[in-house]
Amino acid sequence: MSRAAVAAMVDHTLLKPEATAADVAATVAEARELGVYAVCLSPSMLPVDAAGLVTATVAGFPSGKHDAAVKAYEARLAAERGATEVDMVIDVGAAVVGDWDAVRADIDAVRAALDDAVGLKVIIESAALSDDAVIAACRAAEQAGAQFVKTSTGFHPAGGASTHAVALMSRTVGGRLGVKASGGIRTTTAALAMIGAGATRLGLSGTRAVLQGLPDQVR
């Protein structure tokens, strides 16, 4: 794949808790330089001048252990401040024990708080779930009207994205939803493996290093 083709799949991400306004400005500038699709920032850093880029943010991040009403309000406030995509974290504990009604209600609340034009990505924390739970979480996200399922926050001790999880998620949603691979993708090889497994979006903080390993054009 060419550098531009992969860049067009990237959410260039800055979610570290110590991020400053200067860090955000630098991240947006780098995102523009690299030609990525979106910049993903913490909701407290919005609004931001990111003209030419999609502005994404997170809700219930990173633990997912927020009341659904809090996630919904956080998502709606972020949208009012310019976010056009929201990546929400499910209650991973509810998924672990198979309480899919709770998982679905959580996603429903956030989806209902957003205009239809705002895209919703559902972070399932795949490394902490069994394969059966990954499948069920993806189905809950689809039933609730999400546009994407996403592997990971990148903050969970169980780990981030894996090609196994991406492939399983991709098969489950069958092209009806996008699949975002995020968490621990630091090399060109890893990024291409995620795309090969079925990822349609990549969440990267080290975007420059990943793109540098790609050709300008594919011959």
Protein backbone atom coordinates (compact mmCIF):
# COMPACT_ATOMS: atom_id res chain seq x y z
CA MET A 1 0.00 0.00 0.00
CA SER A 2 1.13 3.52 -0.64
CA ARG A 3 1.86 6.00 2.13
CA ALA A 4 -1.13 8.14 1.15
CA ALA A 5 -3.51 5.14 1.12
CA VAL A 6 -2.56 4.13 4.65
CA ALA A 7 -2.57 7.73 5.89
CA ALA A 8 -6.16 8.03 4.69
CA MET A 9 -7.07 5.26 7.17
CA VAL A 10 -5.38 6.81 10.22
CA ASP A 11 -6.79 8.50 13.30
CA HIS A 12 -3.67 10.37 14.50
CA THR A 13 -4.08 10.11 18.24
CA LEU A 14 -3.11 12.07 21.33
CA LEU A 15 -4.82 10.75 24.45
CA LYS A 16 -2.06 10.79 27.04
CA PRO A 17 -3.24 12.38 30.29
CA GLU A 18 -0.33 14.82 30.46
CA ALA A 19 -1.10 16.34 27.04
CA THR A 20 -1.05 20.12 26.92
CA ALA A 21 -2.60 22.63 24.53
CA ALA A 22 0.80 22.94 22.85
CA ASP A 23 0.90 19.16 22.38
CA VAL A 24 -2.53 19.27 20.77
CA ALA A 25 -1.50 22.03 18.38
CA ALA A 26 1.60 20.06 17.42
CA THR A 27 -0.45 16.89 16.90
CA VAL A 28 -2.92 18.68 14.63
CA ALA A 29 -0.09 20.23 12.63
CA GLU A 30 1.58 16.84 12.25
CA ALA A 31 -1.73 15.26 11.22
CA ARG A 32 -2.11 17.82 8.44
CA GLU A 33 1.48 17.32 7.32
CA LEU A 34 1.08 13.54 7.18
CA GLY A 35 -2.24 13.67 5.33
CA VAL A 36 -4.16 11.46 7.76
CA TYR A 37 -7.92 11.09 7.93
CA ALA A 38 -8.60 12.27 11.48
CA VAL A 39 -7.10 13.58 14.67
CA CYS A 40 -8.31 11.92 17.89
CA LEU A 41 -8.04 14.00 21.06
CA SER A 42 -9.27 13.93 24.64
CA PRO A 43 -12.66 15.65 24.99
CA SER A 44 -11.28 18.22 27.43
CA MET A 45 -9.00 19.51 24.66
CA LEU A 46 -11.93 20.48 22.42
CA PRO A 47 -12.73 22.64 20.57
CA VAL A 48 -9.68 22.63 18.34
CA ASP A 49 -8.83 24.20 15.01
CA ALA A 50 -8.44 21.10 12.87
CA ALA A 51 -9.83 22.33 9.56
CA GLY A 52 -9.30 19.76 6.82
CA LEU A 53 -9.32 16.88 9.28
CA VAL A 54 -12.05 14.87 10.93
CA THR A 55 -12.06 15.59 14.67
CA ALA A 56 -12.54 12.49 16.81
CA THR A 57 -12.66 12.11 20.56
CA VAL A 58 -13.37 9.53 23.26
CA ALA A 59 -16.08 8.91 25.85
CA GLY A 60 -15.88 6.82 29.01
CA PHE A 61 -12.15 6.60 28.38
CA PRO A 62 -10.14 4.59 29.22
CA SER A 63 -11.88 2.37 31.78
CA GLY A 64 -15.46 2.32 30.50
CA LYS A 65 -16.57 2.33 34.14
CA HIS A 66 -18.75 5.39 33.81
CA ASP A 67 -22.50 5.55 34.08
CA ALA A 68 -24.10 5.40 30.64
CA ALA A 69 -25.66 8.82 31.22
CA VAL A 70 -22.21 10.28 31.89
CA LYS A 71 -20.81 8.76 28.69
CA ALA A 72 -23.77 10.08 26.75
CA TYR A 73 -23.35 13.59 28.12
CA GLU A 74 -19.61 13.53 27.50
CA ALA A 75 -20.21 12.44 23.90
CA ARG A 76 -22.89 15.07 23.28
CA LEU A 77 -20.75 17.85 24.77
CA ALA A 78 -17.81 16.80 22.61
CA ALA A 79 -20.01 16.87 19.52
CA GLU A 80 -21.18 20.36 20.43
CA ARG A 81 -17.49 21.32 20.61
CA GLY A 82 -16.74 20.06 17.14
CA ALA A 83 -16.17 16.31 17.33
CA THR A 84 -17.67 14.41 14.39
CA GLU A 85 -16.61 10.97 15.61
CA VAL A 86 -16.77 9.56 19.14
CA ASP A 87 -14.92 6.45 20.32
CA MET A 88 -16.74 5.14 23.41
CA VAL A 89 -15.53 2.43 25.80
CA ILE A 90 -18.02 -0.24 26.82
CA ASP A 91 -18.29 -1.56 30.37
CA VAL A 92 -15.75 -4.31 29.83
CA GLY A 93 -16.75 -6.06 33.04
CA ALA A 94 -20.32 -6.39 31.77
CA ALA A 95 -18.94 -7.99 28.62
CA VAL A 96 -16.73 -10.38 30.58
CA VAL A 97 -19.73 -11.76 32.48
CA GLY A 98 -21.97 -11.78 29.42
CA ASP A 99 -24.41 -9.07 30.48
CA TRP A 100 -25.16 -8.05 26.91
CA ASP A 101 -28.30 -6.15 27.82
CA ALA A 102 -26.13 -3.80 29.89
CA VAL A 103 -23.54 -3.49 27.12
CA ARG A 104 -26.22 -2.75 24.55
CA ALA A 105 -27.95 -0.19 26.82
CA ASP A 106 -24.61 1.56 27.36
CA ILE A 107 -24.03 1.91 23.62
CA ASP A 108 -27.67 2.84 22.99
CA ALA A 109 -27.37 5.75 25.42
CA VAL A 110 -24.36 7.23 23.65
CA ARG A 111 -25.78 6.68 20.17
CA ALA A 112 -29.05 8.37 21.20
CA ALA A 113 -27.13 11.40 22.51
CA LEU A 114 -25.51 12.07 19.14
CA ASP A 115 -26.83 13.38 15.85
CA ASP A 116 -26.89 10.84 13.04
CA ALA A 117 -24.05 12.71 11.35
CA VAL A 118 -21.69 11.95 14.24
CA GLY A 119 -19.96 8.61 13.84
CA LEU A 120 -19.79 6.24 16.81
CA LYS A 121 -16.95 3.79 17.33
CA VAL A 122 -17.35 1.20 20.10
CA ILE A 123 -14.17 0.17 21.93
CA ILE A 124 -14.59 -3.42 23.15
CA GLU A 125 -11.11 -3.98 24.70
CA SER A 126 -10.70 -7.20 22.74
CA ALA A 127 -7.57 -8.38 24.56
CA ALA A 128 -9.59 -8.69 27.77
CA LEU A 129 -12.39 -10.75 26.17
CA SER A 130 -12.87 -14.30 24.94
CA ASP A 131 -13.55 -14.82 21.24
CA ASP A 132 -17.22 -15.45 21.98
CA ALA A 133 -17.40 -12.20 23.93
CA VAL A 134 -15.67 -10.29 21.12
CA ILE A 135 -18.31 -11.57 18.71
CA ALA A 136 -21.16 -10.70 21.07
CA ALA A 137 -19.76 -7.23 21.73
CA CYS A 138 -19.52 -6.53 18.01
CA ARG A 139 -23.11 -7.66 17.55
CA ALA A 140 -24.26 -5.40 20.39
CA ALA A 141 -22.48 -2.46 18.77
CA GLU A 142 -24.11 -3.15 15.43
CA GLN A 143 -27.56 -3.53 16.98
CA ALA A 144 -27.13 -0.19 18.75
CA GLY A 145 -26.34 1.64 15.52
CA ALA A 146 -22.58 2.14 15.82
CA GLN A 147 -20.52 2.78 12.71
CA PHE A 148 -17.32 1.08 13.90
CA VAL A 149 -16.07 -1.48 16.35
CA LYS A 150 -12.62 -0.79 17.77
CA THR A 151 -10.18 -3.20 19.38
CA SER A 152 -8.68 -1.32 22.28
CA THR A 153 -8.02 1.81 24.26
CA GLY A 154 -4.29 1.15 24.32
CA PHE A 155 -4.37 1.59 28.10
CA HIS A 156 -5.54 -1.87 29.26
CA PRO A 157 -2.90 -4.18 30.81
CA ALA A 158 -4.24 -7.11 28.76
CA GLY A 159 -2.82 -5.48 25.64
CA GLY A 160 -3.89 -3.72 22.50
CA ALA A 161 -4.82 -4.74 18.99
CA SER A 162 -4.07 -8.17 17.55
CA THR A 163 -4.54 -9.51 14.05
CA HIS A 164 -6.61 -12.35 15.51
CA ALA A 165 -9.06 -9.95 17.13
CA VAL A 166 -9.25 -7.73 14.05
CA ALA A 167 -9.97 -10.71 11.80
CA LEU A 168 -12.65 -11.99 14.19
CA MET A 169 -14.26 -8.57 14.43
CA SER A 170 -14.14 -8.12 10.67
CA ARG A 171 -15.83 -11.47 10.05
CA THR A 172 -18.49 -10.65 12.62
CA VAL A 173 -19.50 -7.28 11.21
CA GLY A 174 -19.10 -8.45 7.63
CA GLY A 175 -18.41 -5.04 6.14
CA ARG A 176 -21.54 -3.52 7.63
CA LEU A 177 -19.41 -1.65 10.19
CA GLY A 178 -15.85 -0.44 10.03
CA VAL A 179 -13.15 -2.05 12.16
CA LYS A 180 -10.62 0.17 13.91
CA ALA A 181 -7.39 -1.41 15.12
CA SER A 182 -5.79 0.59 17.89
CA GLY A 183 -3.32 0.02 20.69
CA GLY A 184 0.33 -0.91 20.32
CA ILE A 185 0.60 -0.51 16.53
CA ARG A 186 4.03 1.05 16.21
CA THR A 187 5.58 -0.32 13.03
CA THR A 188 4.76 -0.40 9.33
CA THR A 189 4.68 -4.19 9.43
CA ALA A 190 2.18 -4.21 12.29
CA ALA A 191 -0.06 -1.65 10.58
CA LEU A 192 -0.11 -3.58 7.32
CA ALA A 193 -0.87 -6.80 9.21
CA MET A 194 -3.90 -5.15 10.82
CA ILE A 195 -5.13 -3.93 7.45
CA GLY A 196 -4.59 -7.38 5.99
CA ALA A 197 -6.66 -8.85 8.82
CA GLY A 198 -9.57 -6.54 8.00
CA ALA A 199 -8.96 -3.20 9.72
CA THR A 200 -10.51 -0.25 7.87
CA ARG A 201 -9.18 2.37 10.27
CA LEU A 202 -6.01 2.57 12.37
CA GLY A 203 -5.54 4.43 15.64
CA LEU A 204 -1.90 5.50 15.80
CA SER A 205 0.10 7.82 18.00
CA GLY A 206 3.40 7.09 16.24
CA THR A 207 1.94 7.73 12.80
CA ARG A 208 5.07 9.20 11.25
CA ALA A 209 7.17 6.11 11.99
CA VAL A 210 4.52 3.83 10.52
CA LEU A 211 4.12 5.87 7.33
CA GLN A 212 7.84 6.29 6.77
CA GLY A 213 8.11 2.57 6.04
CA LEU A 214 5.72 2.84 3.08
CA PRO A 215 6.41 3.81 -0.54
CA ASP A 216 5.12 7.06 -2.00
CA GLN A 217 3.47 5.07 -4.78
CA VAL A 218 2.71 1.44 -5.44
CA ARG A 219 3.92 0.25 -8.83
